[in-house]
Protein backbone atom coordinates (compact mmCIF):
# COMPACT_ATOMS: atom_id res chain seq x y z
CA MET A 1 36.76 15.54 10.75
CA ALA A 2 37.01 11.90 10.93
CA GLU A 3 40.19 10.52 12.65
CA VAL A 4 41.37 7.29 13.40
CA LYS A 5 44.73 6.06 14.84
CA LEU A 6 46.29 2.57 14.00
CA GLY A 7 46.29 0.38 16.81
CA SER A 8 49.24 -2.16 17.33
CA ASN A 9 48.84 -5.18 15.16
CA GLU A 10 46.19 -3.79 13.24
CA SER A 11 46.12 -4.25 9.47
CA PHE A 12 45.55 -1.45 7.03
CA GLU A 13 42.08 -3.01 6.02
CA SER A 14 40.45 -3.07 9.25
CA LEU A 15 41.84 0.66 9.84
CA LEU A 16 39.94 1.49 6.45
CA ARG A 17 36.96 -0.19 7.63
CA ARG A 18 36.94 1.88 10.80
CA PHE A 19 37.62 4.93 9.17
CA GLY A 20 34.64 4.40 6.67
CA LYS A 21 32.25 3.67 9.67
CA GLN A 22 33.66 6.74 11.38
CA VAL A 23 32.82 8.97 8.43
CA GLN A 24 29.32 7.53 8.30
CA HIS A 25 28.65 8.13 12.04
CA GLU A 26 29.92 11.71 11.82
CA ARG A 27 27.70 12.05 8.39
CA VAL A 28 30.57 13.57 6.62
CA LEU A 29 29.70 12.57 3.24
CA ALA A 30 25.93 13.74 3.68
CA GLU A 31 27.31 16.96 4.70
CA VAL A 32 29.63 17.48 1.72
CA ARG A 33 26.78 16.52 -0.58
CA ARG A 34 24.38 19.06 1.12
CA ARG A 35 27.10 21.68 0.54
CA ARG A 36 28.08 20.64 -3.14
CA PHE A 37 25.74 23.47 -4.35
CA TYR A 38 25.02 27.00 -2.78
CA GLN A 39 21.10 26.94 -1.59
CA LYS A 40 19.58 30.27 -0.94
CA PRO A 41 17.88 30.62 2.59
CA SER A 42 14.63 30.99 1.28
CA ASP A 43 14.90 27.90 -0.84
CA GLU A 44 16.19 26.05 2.07
CA ARG A 45 13.15 26.98 4.03
CA LYS A 46 10.73 26.07 1.35
CA LYS A 47 12.34 22.56 1.21
CA LYS A 48 12.24 22.17 5.13
CA GLU A 49 8.39 22.95 4.71
CA ALA A 50 7.96 20.66 2.05
CA VAL A 51 9.35 17.86 3.83
CA LYS A 52 7.40 18.83 6.94
CA LYS A 53 3.89 18.70 4.72
CA ARG A 54 4.99 15.17 3.32
CA LYS A 55 5.74 13.48 6.69
CA SER A 56 2.62 15.37 8.31
CA SER A 57 0.17 13.98 5.44
CA ARG A 58 0.82 10.32 5.63
């Protein structure tokens, strides 16, 4: 979980900016989007294989 602590003489805006960067760095939103709907393990495997084929065919 992303966590930032308020520094001395730090504005709320800069704290919020740091928090946003931390969330992006930890890929929190990507994980939330990925887990939004349940995906069967077989479907996940098929999706990974399709991505592999696309990358290798370039």
